[in-house]
Amino acid sequence: MDFDLQPIGDNAVMVSFGNQMDMLIHEQVRKLSAHLSANTFDWLTAFVPAYTNITIFYEPLTIMKHVTNTSPYDEICQRISSIVQQLQMESAEASNIIEIPVCYGGKHGPDLSYVAEKKPSF
């Protein structure tokens, strides 16, 4: 799923996954929020999730300590992009569901009644 990064002032970035009410889009916001909550980032000061986007507030001076050849905004965009892409790859791997069709009863399971009678009750 595509996402867009937009500057919000001099210490925040909005990560937008779309502009329509959609459960898949909202799931991306929820996953990123959970990741930010579960991990400690020295540059992260706060984040505000919405339905289709999340605004991430960061400390520019902390970012500047770790980089010399790029702006704090460019560095934070690179870090956030990396996180979002990793989460999307994990989601894609987890969603490889294989469905196996089954049929019960009738000619496909003539012994179903017999097996149901013999099963232990719990």
PDB file of N, CA and C in Angstrom:
ATOM      1  N   MET A   1       0.848  -1.175   0.000  1.00  0.00           N
ATOM      2  CA  MET A   1       0.000   0.000   0.000  1.00  0.00           C
ATOM      3  C   MET A   1       0.894   1.240   0.000  1.00  0.00           C
ATOM      4  N   ASP A   2       0.514   2.201  -0.790  1.00  0.00           N
ATOM      5  CA  ASP A   2       1.274   3.447  -0.884  1.00  0.00           C
ATOM      6  C   ASP A   2       1.034   4.316   0.347  1.00  0.00           C
ATOM      7  N   PHE A   3       2.005   5.167   0.617  1.00  0.00           N
ATOM      8  CA  PHE A   3       1.869   6.145   1.688  1.00  0.00           C
ATOM      9  C   PHE A   3       2.594   7.411   1.259  1.00  0.00           C
ATOM     10  N   ASP A   4       2.245   8.513   1.908  1.00  0.00           N
ATOM     11  CA  ASP A   4       2.807   9.812   1.579  1.00  0.00           C
ATOM     12  C   ASP A   4       3.271  10.480   2.863  1.00  0.00           C
ATOM     13  N   LEU A   5       4.407  11.152   2.804  1.00  0.00           N
ATOM     14  CA  LEU A   5       4.936  11.891   3.950  1.00  0.00           C
ATOM     15  C   LEU A   5       4.853  13.386   3.663  1.00  0.00           C
ATOM     16  N   GLN A   6       4.321  14.139   4.625  1.00  0.00           N
ATOM     17  CA  GLN A   6       4.187  15.587   4.459  1.00  0.00           C
ATOM     18  C   GLN A   6       4.696  16.276   5.718  1.00  0.00           C
ATOM     19  N   PRO A   7       5.457  17.354   5.550  1.00  0.00           N
ATOM     20  CA  PRO A   7       5.923  18.083   6.739  1.00  0.00           C
ATOM     21  C   PRO A   7       4.768  18.817   7.416  1.00  0.00           C
ATOM     22  N   ILE A   8       4.789  18.812   8.730  1.00  0.00           N
ATOM     23  CA  ILE A   8       3.825  19.568   9.536  1.00  0.00           C
ATOM     24  C   ILE A   8       4.678  20.433  10.464  1.00  0.00           C
ATOM     25  N   GLY A   9       4.880  21.668  10.094  1.00  0.00           N
ATOM     26  CA  GLY A   9       5.739  22.550  10.870  1.00  0.00           C
ATOM     27  C   GLY A   9       7.193  22.126  10.774  1.00  0.00           C
ATOM     28  N   ASP A  10       7.980  22.445  11.802  1.00  0.00           N
ATOM     29  CA  ASP A  10       9.405  22.131  11.748  1.00  0.00           C
ATOM     30  C   ASP A  10       9.785  20.923  12.599  1.00  0.00           C
ATOM     31  N   ASN A  11       8.790  20.246  13.186  1.00  0.00           N
ATOM     32  CA  ASN A  11       9.130  19.079  13.995  1.00  0.00           C
ATOM     33  C   ASN A  11       8.092  17.957  13.930  1.00  0.00           C
ATOM     34  N   ALA A  12       7.375  17.876  12.824  1.00  0.00           N
ATOM     35  CA  ALA A  12       6.384  16.807  12.676  1.00  0.00           C
ATOM     36  C   ALA A  12       6.244  16.399  11.214  1.00  0.00           C
ATOM     37  N   VAL A  13       5.860  15.148  11.043  1.00  0.00           N
ATOM     38  CA  VAL A  13       5.622  14.582   9.711  1.00  0.00           C
ATOM     39  C   VAL A  13       4.287  13.854   9.761  1.00  0.00           C
ATOM     40  N   MET A  14       3.444  14.076   8.752  1.00  0.00           N
ATOM     41  CA  MET A  14       2.200  13.338   8.654  1.00  0.00           C
ATOM     42  C   MET A  14       2.391  12.202   7.652  1.00  0.00           C
ATOM     43  N   VAL A  15       2.108  10.980   8.102  1.00  0.00           N
ATOM     44  CA  VAL A  15       2.146   9.806   7.231  1.00  0.00           C
ATOM     45  C   VAL A  15       0.710   9.541   6.828  1.00  0.00           C
ATOM     46  N   SER A  16       0.422   9.675   5.544  1.00  0.00           N
ATOM     47  CA  SER A  16      -0.930   9.493   5.042  1.00  0.00           C
ATOM     48  C   SER A  16      -0.990   8.245   4.173  1.00  0.00           C
ATOM     49  N   PHE A  17      -1.952   7.383   4.454  1.00  0.00           N
ATOM     50  CA  PHE A  17      -2.119   6.144   3.701  1.00  0.00           C
ATOM     51  C   PHE A  17      -3.249   6.238   2.681  1.00  0.00           C
ATOM     52  N   GLY A  18      -3.886   7.366   2.595  1.00  0.00           N
ATOM     53  CA  GLY A  18      -4.987   7.568   1.649  1.00  0.00           C
ATOM     54  C   GLY A  18      -5.881   8.674   2.165  1.00  0.00           C
ATOM     55  N   ASN A  19      -6.965   8.918   1.447  1.00  0.00           N
ATOM     56  CA  ASN A  19      -7.873   9.996   1.865  1.00  0.00           C
ATOM     57  C   ASN A  19      -9.328   9.550   1.896  1.00  0.00           C
ATOM     58  N   GLN A  20      -9.541   8.247   1.992  1.00  0.00           N
ATOM     59  CA  GLN A  20     -10.910   7.757   2.084  1.00  0.00           C
ATOM     60  C   GLN A  20     -11.042   6.813   3.270  1.00  0.00           C
ATOM     61  N   MET A  21     -12.246   6.695   3.798  1.00  0.00           N
ATOM     62  CA  MET A  21     -12.505   5.806   4.923  1.00  0.00           C
ATOM     63  C   MET A  21     -12.442   4.368   4.413  1.00  0.00           C
ATOM     64  N   ASP A  22     -11.425   3.646   4.868  1.00  0.00           N
ATOM     65  CA  ASP A  22     -11.212   2.288   4.388  1.00  0.00           C
ATOM     66  C   ASP A  22     -10.552   1.499   5.519  1.00  0.00           C
ATOM     67  N   MET A  23     -11.025   0.301   5.786  1.00  0.00           N
ATOM     68  CA  MET A  23     -10.477  -0.500   6.884  1.00  0.00           C
ATOM     69  C   MET A  23      -9.020  -0.883   6.650  1.00  0.00           C
ATOM     70  N   LEU A  24      -8.617  -1.138   5.406  1.00  0.00           N
ATOM     71  CA  LEU A  24      -7.224  -1.479   5.122  1.00  0.00           C
ATOM     72  C   LEU A  24      -6.297  -0.295   5.404  1.00  0.00           C
ATOM     73  N   ILE A  25      -6.761   0.894   5.062  1.00  0.00           N
ATOM     74  CA  ILE A  25      -5.983   2.104   5.343  1.00  0.00           C
ATOM     75  C   ILE A  25      -5.880   2.307   6.856  1.00  0.00           C
ATOM     76  N   HIS A  26      -6.999   2.172   7.546  1.00  0.00           N
ATOM     77  CA  HIS A  26      -6.991   2.359   8.997  1.00  0.00           C
ATOM     78  C   HIS A  26      -6.113   1.308   9.690  1.00  0.00           C
ATOM     79  N   GLU A  27      -6.089   0.108   9.162  1.00  0.00           N
ATOM     80  CA  GLU A  27      -5.232  -0.940   9.730  1.00  0.00           C
ATOM     81  C   GLU A  27      -3.757  -0.548   9.653  1.00  0.00           C
ATOM     82  N   GLN A  28      -3.358   0.135   8.573  1.00  0.00           N
ATOM     83  CA  GLN A  28      -1.977   0.615   8.459  1.00  0.00           C
ATOM     84  C   GLN A  28      -1.660   1.634   9.552  1.00  0.00           C
ATOM     85  N   VAL A  29      -2.596   2.524   9.807  1.00  0.00           N
ATOM     86  CA  VAL A  29      -2.415   3.527  10.873  1.00  0.00           C
ATOM     87  C   VAL A  29      -2.292   2.827  12.226  1.00  0.00           C
ATOM     88  N   ARG A  30      -3.145   1.842  12.464  1.00  0.00           N
ATOM     89  CA  ARG A  30      -3.117   1.118  13.743  1.00  0.00           C
ATOM     90  C   ARG A  30      -1.802   0.364  13.931  1.00  0.00           C
ATOM     91  N   LYS A  31      -1.308  -0.266  12.876  1.00  0.00           N
ATOM     92  CA  LYS A  31      -0.049  -1.010  12.985  1.00  0.00           C
ATOM     93  C   LYS A  31       1.129  -0.081  13.254  1.00  0.00           C
ATOM     94  N   LEU A  32       1.163   1.053  12.575  1.00  0.00           N
ATOM     95  CA  LEU A  32       2.243   2.008  12.810  1.00  0.00           C
ATOM     96  C   LEU A  32       2.149   2.580  14.227  1.00  0.00           C
ATOM     97  N   SER A  33       0.948   2.885  14.690  1.00  0.00           N
ATOM     98  CA  SER A  33       0.763   3.383  16.056  1.00  0.00           C
ATOM     99  C   SER A  33       1.240   2.359  17.075  1.00  0.00           C
ATOM    100  N   ALA A  34       0.888   1.106  16.869  1.00  0.00           N
ATOM    101  CA  ALA A  34       1.307   0.051  17.794  1.00  0.00           C
ATOM    102  C   ALA A  34       2.820  -0.089  17.799  1.00  0.00           C
ATOM    103  N   HIS A  35       3.439   0.013  16.628  1.00  0.00           N
ATOM    104  CA  HIS A  35       4.895  -0.088  16.540  1.00  0.00           C
ATOM    105  C   HIS A  35       5.571   1.071  17.268  1.00  0.00           C
ATOM    106  N   LEU A  36       5.061   2.268  17.077  1.00  0.00           N
ATOM    107  CA  LEU A  36       5.646   3.434  17.754  1.00  0.00           C
ATOM    108  C   LEU A  36       5.461   3.337  19.264  1.00  0.00           C
ATOM    109  N   SER A  37       4.335   2.784  19.711  1.00  0.00           N
ATOM    110  CA  SER A  37       4.090   2.614  21.141  1.00  0.00           C
ATOM    111  C   SER A  37       5.003   1.558  21.754  1.00  0.00           C
ATOM    112  N   ALA A  38       5.271   0.515  20.990  1.00  0.00           N
ATOM    113  CA  ALA A  38       6.022  -0.623  21.516  1.00  0.00           C
ATOM    114  C   ALA A  38       7.534  -0.427  21.490  1.00  0.00           C
ATOM    115  N   ASN A  39       8.010   0.538  20.734  1.00  0.00           N
ATOM    116  CA  ASN A  39       9.450   0.742  20.595  1.00  0.00           C
ATOM    117  C   ASN A  39       9.862   2.110  21.127  1.00  0.00           C
ATOM    118  N   THR A  40      11.100   2.185  21.580  1.00  0.00           N
ATOM    119  CA  THR A  40      11.630   3.443  22.085  1.00  0.00           C
ATOM    120  C   THR A  40      12.526   4.069  21.025  1.00  0.00           C
ATOM    121  N   PHE A  41      12.165   5.253  20.605  1.00  0.00           N
ATOM    122  CA  PHE A  41      12.967   6.016  19.648  1.00  0.00           C
ATOM    123  C   PHE A  41      13.353   7.319  20.331  1.00  0.00           C
ATOM    124  N   ASP A  42      14.646   7.637  20.379  1.00  0.00           N
ATOM    125  CA  ASP A  42      15.074   8.853  21.074  1.00  0.00           C
ATOM    126  C   ASP A  42      14.593  10.123  20.385  1.00  0.00           C
ATOM    127  N   TRP A  43      14.250  10.032  19.122  1.00  0.00           N
ATOM    128  CA  TRP A  43      13.805  11.202  18.363  1.00  0.00           C
ATOM    129  C   TRP A  43      12.296  11.436  18.463  1.00  0.00           C
ATOM    130  N   LEU A  44      11.532  10.432  18.890  1.00  0.00           N
ATOM    131  CA  LEU A  44      10.070  10.511  18.930  1.00  0.00           C
ATOM    132  C   LEU A  44       9.603  11.252  20.177  1.00  0.00           C
ATOM    133  N   THR A  45       8.809  12.313  19.980  1.00  0.00           N
ATOM    134  CA  THR A  45       8.256  13.036  21.128  1.00  0.00           C
ATOM    135  C   THR A  45       6.769  12.740  21.319  1.00  0.00           C
ATOM    136  N   ALA A  46       6.044  12.472  20.231  1.00  0.00           N
ATOM    137  CA  ALA A  46       4.616  12.156  20.320  1.00  0.00           C
ATOM    138  C   ALA A  46       4.129  11.713  18.947  1.00  0.00           C
ATOM    139  N   PHE A  47       2.958  11.093  18.938  1.00  0.00           N
ATOM    140  CA  PHE A  47       2.292  10.801  17.658  1.00  0.00           C
ATOM    141  C   PHE A  47       0.785  10.857  17.871  1.00  0.00           C
ATOM    142  N   VAL A  48       0.095  11.257  16.811  1.00  0.00           N
ATOM    143  CA  VAL A  48      -1.353  11.429  16.874  1.00  0.00           C
ATOM    144  C   VAL A  48      -1.974  10.678  15.700  1.00  0.00           C
ATOM    145  N   PRO A  49      -2.573   9.506  15.973  1.00  0.00           N
ATOM    146  CA  PRO A  49      -3.218   8.774  14.879  1.00  0.00           C
ATOM    147  C   PRO A  49      -4.595   9.345  14.565  1.00  0.00           C
ATOM    148  N   ALA A  50      -4.951   9.287  13.303  1.00  0.00           N
ATOM    149  CA  ALA A  50      -6.298   9.614  12.840  1.00  0.00           C
ATOM    150  C   ALA A  50      -6.785   8.401  12.053  1.00  0.00           C
ATOM    151  N   TYR A  51      -7.859   8.519  11.321  1.00  0.00           N
ATOM    152  CA  TYR A  51      -8.391   7.344  10.625  1.00  0.00           C
ATOM    153  C   TYR A  51      -7.535   6.941   9.427  1.00  0.00           C
ATOM    154  N   THR A  52      -7.054   7.919   8.649  1.00  0.00           N
ATOM    155  CA  THR A  52      -6.289   7.598   7.435  1.00  0.00           C
ATOM    156  C   THR A  52      -4.842   8.058   7.500  1.00  0.00           C
ATOM    157  N   ASN A  53      -4.436   8.679   8.615  1.00  0.00           N
ATOM    158  CA  ASN A  53      -3.055   9.165   8.715  1.00  0.00           C
ATOM    159  C   ASN A  53      -2.601   9.183  10.165  1.00  0.00           C
ATOM    160  N   ILE A  54      -1.321   9.426  10.324  1.00  0.00           N
ATOM    161  CA  ILE A  54      -0.753   9.562  11.662  1.00  0.00           C
ATOM    162  C   ILE A  54       0.298  10.665  11.613  1.00  0.00           C
ATOM    163  N   THR A  55       0.229  11.588  12.550  1.00  0.00           N
ATOM    164  CA  THR A  55       1.212  12.657  12.627  1.00  0.00           C
ATOM    165  C   THR A  55       2.242  12.279  13.685  1.00  0.00           C
ATOM    166  N   ILE A  56       3.507  12.311  13.284  1.00  0.00           N
ATOM    167  CA  ILE A  56       4.601  11.925  14.156  1.00  0.00           C
ATOM    168  C   ILE A  56       5.430  13.163  14.483  1.00  0.00           C
ATOM    169  N   PHE A  57       5.550  13.466  15.757  1.00  0.00           N
ATOM    170  CA  PHE A  57       6.344  14.602  16.217  1.00  0.00           C
ATOM    171  C   PHE A  57       7.723  14.097  16.627  1.00  0.00           C
ATOM    172  N   TYR A  58       8.741  14.834  16.228  1.00  0.00           N
ATOM    173  CA  TYR A  58      10.109  14.401  16.506  1.00  0.00           C
ATOM    174  C   TYR A  58      10.949  15.561  17.020  1.00  0.00           C
ATOM    175  N   GLU A  59      12.104  15.218  17.587  1.00  0.00           N
ATOM    176  CA  GLU A  59      13.037  16.196  18.129  1.00  0.00           C
ATOM    177  C   GLU A  59      14.156  16.412  17.105  1.00  0.00           C
ATOM    178  N   PRO A  60      14.153  17.534  16.373  1.00  0.00           N
ATOM    179  CA  PRO A  60      15.168  17.771  15.338  1.00  0.00           C
ATOM    180  C   PRO A  60      16.604  17.751  15.875  1.00  0.00           C
ATOM    181  N   LEU A  61      16.834  18.268  17.077  1.00  0.00           N
ATOM    182  CA  LEU A  61      18.195  18.297  17.616  1.00  0.00           C
ATOM    183  C   LEU A  61      18.731  16.888  17.850  1.00  0.00           C
ATOM    184  N   THR A  62      17.870  15.982  18.252  1.00  0.00           N
ATOM    185  CA  THR A  62      18.293  14.591  18.438  1.00  0.00           C
ATOM    186  C   THR A  62      18.670  13.970  17.104  1.00  0.00           C
ATOM    187  N   ILE A  63      17.894  14.251  16.088  1.00  0.00           N
ATOM    188  CA  ILE A  63      18.199  13.729  14.747  1.00  0.00           C
ATOM    189  C   ILE A  63      19.527  14.304  14.261  1.00  0.00           C
ATOM    190  N   MET A  64      19.767  15.581  14.497  1.00  0.00           N
ATOM    191  CA  MET A  64      20.992  16.227  14.010  1.00  0.00           C
ATOM    192  C   MET A  64      22.248  15.640  14.652  1.00  0.00           C
ATOM    193  N   LYS A  65      22.133  15.074  15.859  1.00  0.00           N
ATOM    194  CA  LYS A  65      23.288  14.453  16.510  1.00  0.00           C
ATOM    195  C   LYS A  65      23.771  13.222  15.744  1.00  0.00           C
ATOM    196  N   HIS A  66      22.853  12.576  15.025  1.00  0.00           N
ATOM    197  CA  HIS A  66      23.162  11.307  14.365  1.00  0.00           C
ATOM    198  C   HIS A  66      23.479  11.440  12.878  1.00  0.00           C
ATOM    199  N   VAL A  67      23.223  12.602  12.287  1.00  0.00           N
ATOM    200  CA  VAL A  67      23.463  12.777  10.847  1.00  0.00           C
ATOM    201  C   VAL A  67      24.265  14.049  10.600  1.00  0.00           C
ATOM    202  N   THR A  68      25.006  14.050   9.523  1.00  0.00           N
ATOM    203  CA  THR A  68      25.780  15.249   9.183  1.00  0.00           C
ATOM    204  C   THR A  68      25.521  15.725   7.759  1.00  0.00           C
ATOM    205  N   ASN A  69      25.099  14.828   6.884  1.00  0.00           N
ATOM    206  CA  ASN A  69      24.986  15.198   5.475  1.00  0.00           C
ATOM    207  C   ASN A  69      23.550  15.318   4.975  1.00  0.00           C
ATOM    208  N   THR A  70      22.581  15.388   5.878  1.00  0.00           N
ATOM    209  CA  THR A  70      21.196  15.532   5.454  1.00  0.00           C
ATOM    210  C   THR A  70      20.433  16.361   6.486  1.00  0.00           C
ATOM    211  N   SER A  71      19.284  16.837   6.117  1.00  0.00           N
ATOM    212  CA  SER A  71      18.479  17.639   7.043  1.00  0.00           C
ATOM    213  C   SER A  71      17.743  16.716   8.017  1.00  0.00           C
ATOM    214  N   PRO A  72      17.359  17.224   9.183  1.00  0.00           N
ATOM    215  CA  PRO A  72      16.588  16.397  10.112  1.00  0.00           C
ATOM    216  C   PRO A  72      15.291  15.873   9.481  1.00  0.00           C
ATOM    217  N   TYR A  73      14.639  16.712   8.673  1.00  0.00           N
ATOM    218  CA  TYR A  73      13.396  16.284   8.021  1.00  0.00           C
ATOM    219  C   TYR A  73      13.664  15.122   7.069  1.00  0.00           C
ATOM    220  N   ASP A  74      14.695  15.225   6.238  1.00  0.00           N
ATOM    221  CA  ASP A  74      15.008  14.133   5.306  1.00  0.00           C
ATOM    222  C   ASP A  74      15.346  12.848   6.053  1.00  0.00           C
ATOM    223  N   GLU A  75      16.092  12.987   7.148  1.00  0.00           N
ATOM    224  CA  GLU A  75      16.468  11.814   7.937  1.00  0.00           C
ATOM    225  C   GLU A  75      15.247  11.169   8.582  1.00  0.00           C
ATOM    226  N   ILE A  76      14.362  11.971   9.134  1.00  0.00           N
ATOM    227  CA  ILE A  76      13.185  11.402   9.787  1.00  0.00           C
ATOM    228  C   ILE A  76      12.274  10.750   8.756  1.00  0.00           C
ATOM    229  N   CYS A  77      12.170  11.338   7.581  1.00  0.00           N
ATOM    230  CA  CYS A  77      11.370  10.728   6.510  1.00  0.00           C
ATOM    231  C   CYS A  77      11.948   9.371   6.111  1.00  0.00           C
ATOM    232  N   GLN A  78      13.253   9.296   6.046  1.00  0.00           N
ATOM    233  CA  GLN A  78      13.901   8.028   5.706  1.00  0.00           C
ATOM    234  C   GLN A  78      13.621   6.978   6.793  1.00  0.00           C
ATOM    235  N   ARG A  79      13.725   7.356   8.043  1.00  0.00           N
ATOM    236  CA  ARG A  79      13.473   6.424   9.146  1.00  0.00           C
ATOM    237  C   ARG A  79      12.019   5.958   9.167  1.00  0.00           C
ATOM    238  N   ILE A  80      11.097   6.898   9.007  1.00  0.00           N
ATOM    239  CA  ILE A  80       9.675   6.544   9.022  1.00  0.00           C
ATOM    240  C   ILE A  80       9.340   5.665   7.820  1.00  0.00           C
ATOM    241  N   SER A  81       9.865   6.004   6.652  1.00  0.00           N
ATOM    242  CA  SER A  81       9.617   5.182   5.457  1.00  0.00           C
ATOM    243  C   SER A  81      10.101   3.752   5.668  1.00  0.00           C
ATOM    244  N   SER A  82      11.248   3.619   6.271  1.00  0.00           N
ATOM    245  CA  SER A  82      11.802   2.299   6.545  1.00  0.00           C
ATOM    246  C   SER A  82      10.894   1.501   7.475  1.00  0.00           C
ATOM    247  N   ILE A  83      10.394   2.140   8.523  1.00  0.00           N
ATOM    248  CA  ILE A  83       9.486   1.477   9.461  1.00  0.00           C
ATOM    249  C   ILE A  83       8.207   1.044   8.761  1.00  0.00           C
ATOM    250  N   VAL A  84       7.596   1.957   7.998  1.00  0.00           N
ATOM    251  CA  VAL A  84       6.332   1.650   7.320  1.00  0.00           C
ATOM    252  C   VAL A  84       6.528   0.510   6.324  1.00  0.00           C
ATOM    253  N   GLN A  85       7.600   0.545   5.545  1.00  0.00           N
ATOM    254  CA  GLN A  85       7.848  -0.518   4.568  1.00  0.00           C
ATOM    255  C   GLN A  85       8.057  -1.860   5.254  1.00  0.00           C
ATOM    256  N   GLN A  86       8.769  -1.867   6.371  1.00  0.00           N
ATOM    257  CA  GLN A  86       8.980  -3.116   7.118  1.00  0.00           C
ATOM    258  C   GLN A  86       7.658  -3.669   7.634  1.00  0.00           C
ATOM    259  N   LEU A  87       6.810  -2.809   8.182  1.00  0.00           N
ATOM    260  CA  LEU A  87       5.508  -3.250   8.677  1.00  0.00           C
ATOM    261  C   LEU A  87       4.642  -3.790   7.546  1.00  0.00           C
ATOM    262  N   GLN A  88       4.710  -3.155   6.382  1.00  0.00           N
ATOM    263  CA  GLN A  88       3.922  -3.626   5.247  1.00  0.00           C
ATOM    264  C   GLN A  88       4.428  -4.979   4.742  1.00  0.00           C
ATOM    265  N   MET A  89       5.738  -5.186   4.764  1.00  0.00           N
ATOM    266  CA  MET A  89       6.285  -6.485   4.355  1.00  0.00           C
ATOM    267  C   MET A  89       5.852  -7.573   5.335  1.00  0.00           C
ATOM    268  N   GLU A  90       5.875  -7.276   6.627  1.00  0.00           N
ATOM    269  CA  GLU A  90       5.441  -8.241   7.632  1.00  0.00           C
ATOM    270  C   GLU A  90       3.970  -8.580   7.452  1.00  0.00           C
ATOM    271  N   SER A  91       3.151  -7.584   7.128  1.00  0.00           N
ATOM    272  CA  SER A  91       1.726  -7.817   6.907  1.00  0.00           C
ATOM    273  C   SER A  91       1.499  -8.694   5.688  1.00  0.00           C
ATOM    274  N   ALA A  92       2.256  -8.444   4.628  1.00  0.00           N
ATOM    275  CA  ALA A  92       2.115  -9.235   3.406  1.00  0.00           C
ATOM    276  C   ALA A  92       2.499 -10.684   3.657  1.00  0.00           C
ATOM    277  N   GLU A  93       3.554 -10.913   4.439  1.00  0.00           N
ATOM    278  CA  GLU A  93       3.979 -12.277   4.742  1.00  0.00           C
ATOM    279  C   GLU A  93       2.942 -12.985   5.607  1.00  0.00           C
ATOM    280  N   ALA A  94       2.358 -12.276   6.542  1.00  0.00           N
ATOM    281  CA  ALA A  94       1.388 -12.880   7.451  1.00  0.00           C
ATOM    282  C   ALA A  94       0.056 -13.159   6.772  1.00  0.00           C
ATOM    283  N   SER A  95      -0.218 -12.515   5.659  1.00  0.00           N
ATOM    284  CA  SER A  95      -1.519 -12.676   5.019  1.00  0.00           C
ATOM    285  C   SER A  95      -1.535 -13.754   3.941  1.00  0.00           C
ATOM    286  N   ASN A  96      -0.513 -14.566   3.865  1.00  0.00           N
ATOM    287  CA  ASN A  96      -0.499 -15.670   2.902  1.00  0.00           C
ATOM    288  C   ASN A  96      -1.314 -16.825   3.456  1.00  0.00           C
ATOM    289  N   ILE A  97      -2.619 -16.727   3.336  1.00  0.00           N
ATOM    290  CA  ILE A  97      -3.541 -17.731   3.852  1.00  0.00           C
ATOM    291  C   ILE A  97      -3.866 -18.711   2.738  1.00  0.00           C
ATOM    292  N   ILE A  98      -3.770 -19.973   3.061  1.00  0.00           N
ATOM    293  CA  ILE A  98      -4.119 -21.014   2.099  1.00  0.00           C
ATOM    294  C   ILE A  98      -5.445 -21.614   2.534  1.00  0.00           C
ATOM    295  N   GLU A  99      -6.423 -21.581   1.653  1.00  0.00           N
ATOM    296  CA  GLU A  99      -7.734 -22.151   1.955  1.00  0.00           C
ATOM    297  C   GLU A  99      -7.820 -23.536   1.345  1.00  0.00           C
ATOM    298  N   ILE A 100      -8.271 -24.470   2.159  1.00  0.00           N
ATOM    299  CA  ILE A 100      -8.467 -25.836   1.690  1.00  0.00           C
ATOM    300  C   ILE A 100      -9.960 -26.132   1.771  1.00  0.00           C
ATOM    301  N   PRO A 101     -10.603 -26.324   0.624  1.00  0.00           N
ATOM    302  CA  PRO A 101     -12.040 -26.592   0.648  1.00  0.00           C
ATOM    303  C   PRO A 101     -12.313 -28.001   1.194  1.00  0.00           C
ATOM    304  N   VAL A 102     -13.368 -28.120   1.963  1.00  0.00           N
ATOM    305  CA  VAL A 102     -13.762 -29.421   2.505  1.00  0.00           C
ATOM    306  C   VAL A 102     -15.262 -29.617   2.307  1.00  0.00           C
ATOM    307  N   CYS A 103     -15.659 -30.868   2.228  1.00  0.00           N
ATOM    308  CA  CYS A 103     -17.070 -31.224   2.097  1.00  0.00           C
ATOM    309  C   CYS A 103     -17.408 -32.219   3.192  1.00  0.00           C
ATOM    310  N   TYR A 104     -18.570 -32.051   3.779  1.00  0.00           N
ATOM    311  CA  TYR A 104     -19.009 -32.940   4.854  1.00  0.00           C
ATOM    312  C   TYR A 104     -20.341 -33.567   4.485  1.00  0.00           C
ATOM    313  N   GLY A 105     -20.491 -34.813   4.838  1.00  0.00           N
ATOM    314  CA  GLY A 105     -21.766 -35.485   4.694  1.00  0.00           C
ATOM    315  C   GLY A 105     -22.067 -35.943   3.284  1.00  0.00           C
ATOM    316  N   GLY A 106     -23.192 -36.614   3.155  1.00  0.00           N
ATOM    317  CA  GLY A 106     -23.622 -37.104   1.847  1.00  0.00           C
ATOM    318  C   GLY A 106     -22.610 -38.045   1.223  1.00  0.00           C
ATOM    319  N   LYS A 107     -22.435 -37.959  -0.071  1.00  0.00           N
ATOM    320  CA  LYS A 107     -21.486 -38.837  -0.760  1.00  0.00           C
ATOM    321  C   LYS A 107     -20.036 -38.500  -0.426  1.00  0.00           C
ATOM    322  N   HIS A 108     -19.803 -37.275   0.109  1.00  0.00           N
ATOM    323  CA  HIS A 108     -18.447 -36.858   0.452  1.00  0.00           C
ATOM    324  C   HIS A 108     -18.035 -37.318   1.848  1.00  0.00           C
ATOM    325  N   GLY A 109     -18.983 -37.781   2.612  1.00  0.00           N
ATOM    326  CA  GLY A 109     -18.670 -38.235   3.972  1.00  0.00           C
ATOM    327  C   GLY A 109     -19.745 -39.167   4.475  1.00  0.00           C
ATOM    328  N   PRO A 110     -19.836 -40.336   3.858  1.00  0.00           N
ATOM    329  CA  PRO A 110     -20.935 -41.234   4.239  1.00  0.00           C
ATOM    330  C   PRO A 110     -20.842 -41.720   5.687  1.00  0.00           C
ATOM    331  N   ASP A 111     -19.663 -41.643   6.292  1.00  0.00           N
ATOM    332  CA  ASP A 111     -19.516 -42.110   7.669  1.00  0.00           C
ATOM    333  C   ASP A 111     -19.632 -40.976   8.687  1.00  0.00           C
ATOM    334  N   LEU A 112     -20.050 -39.803   8.276  1.00  0.00           N
ATOM    335  CA  LEU A 112     -20.109 -38.666   9.179  1.00  0.00           C
ATOM    336  C   LEU A 112     -21.043 -38.918  10.366  1.00  0.00           C
ATOM    337  N   SER A 113     -22.188 -39.477  10.128  1.00  0.00           N
ATOM    338  CA  SER A 113     -23.139 -39.748  11.228  1.00  0.00           C
ATOM    339  C   SER A 113     -22.537 -40.730  12.222  1.00  0.00           C
ATOM    340  N   TYR A 114     -21.909 -41.771  11.715  1.00  0.00           N
ATOM    341  CA  TYR A 114     -21.297 -42.781  12.575  1.00  0.00           C
ATOM    342  C   TYR A 114     -20.186 -42.165  13.441  1.00  0.00           C
ATOM    343  N   VAL A 115     -19.324 -41.365  12.830  1.00  0.00           N
ATOM    344  CA  VAL A 115     -18.211 -40.722  13.561  1.00  0.00           C
ATOM    345  C   VAL A 115     -18.752 -39.749  14.599  1.00  0.00           C
ATOM    346  N   ALA A 116     -19.795 -38.997  14.251  1.00  0.00           N
ATOM    347  CA  ALA A 116     -20.376 -38.032  15.189  1.00  0.00           C
ATOM    348  C   ALA A 116     -20.970 -38.738  16.405  1.00  0.00           C
ATOM    349  N   GLU A 117     -21.552 -39.911  16.221  1.00  0.00           N
ATOM    350  CA  GLU A 117     -22.107 -40.663  17.347  1.00  0.00           C
ATOM    351  C   GLU A 117     -21.006 -41.173  18.271  1.00  0.00           C
ATOM    352  N   LYS A 118     -19.848 -41.512  17.727  1.00  0.00           N
ATOM    353  CA  LYS A 118     -18.767 -42.125  18.502  1.00  0.00           C
ATOM    354  C   LYS A 118     -17.830 -41.127  19.175  1.00  0.00           C
ATOM    355  N   LYS A 119     -17.920 -39.853  18.815  1.00  0.00           N
ATOM    356  CA  LYS A 119     -16.991 -38.871  19.380  1.00  0.00           C
ATOM    357  C   LYS A 119     -17.255 -38.680  20.860  1.00  0.00           C
ATOM    358  N   PRO A 120     -16.205 -38.452  21.645  1.00  0.00           N
ATOM    359  CA  PRO A 120     -16.419 -38.205  23.079  1.00  0.00           C
ATOM    360  C   PRO A 120     -17.065 -36.843  23.292  1.00  0.00           C
ATOM    361  N   SER A 121     -17.909 -36.734  24.287  1.00  0.00           N
ATOM    362  CA  SER A 121     -18.502 -35.428  24.598  1.00  0.00           C
ATOM    363  C   SER A 121     -17.675 -34.738  25.660  1.00  0.00           C
ATOM    364  N   PHE A 122     -17.597 -33.431  25.559  1.00  0.00           N
ATOM    365  CA  PHE A 122     -16.787 -32.636  26.472  1.00  0.00           C
ATOM    366  C   PHE A 122     -17.645 -31.858  27.409  1.00  0.00           C
TER     367      PHE A 122
END
